């Protein structure tokens, strides 16, 4: 039997963390256990997401805009209204544009008027579920609650300059709260752009 401080021991202690240069290292047994646990977690998360889609609780709304040169803007407002009884989990916010633009994200902006509602679709075609949250554009929204400043690059998606940008999942909009996405064209030429927001409710 090798000493207890050896890098490898073929005895009862081989399932315990090893000691290499005075540092505890996981043994192959612990790596296997960790791999199995992570595998089960991934399967559960995947099943959870599939259940959301199957139940028709995932939604998406999008809108195209034409941004005039020298400061033209486009805005999309996401609202989880009072009394909805749900939290909105943002899956993705994506914007695509034909030239460089500024992107600002606001939390709970002042709302003087909501504007027009943006049509939504469910991620499960044929589902009869309706979202509690709503998406608007063309209203009157305040801009004193800016939380994020981003930059969207123009050009073609076929080249390195890109043309599409997004912030991923991780934002939860509580009942009675809202998000505003604002695009600003600081160039001299008109720009075509779009905003797409995906979410699920629970």
Foldseek 3Di string as FASTA:
>chain_A
DDDQQDPADPDPCQCAFHADPNDTHGHPNVVVVVVVVVVVVVVVVVVVVVVLQVQQQKKKFKDKDKAAEAWGKWKKKKAQAAPLPKKKWWAKKKKFKAAKKKKWKFKFWDFPDQAAWTDMDTSHPPHPDDHNMTMGIDGDTHDPGTDDIDMAHHDDCVDPSHGMDMDGTDDMADYHMMMMMMIIHHHNHMMMMMIMIMIGID
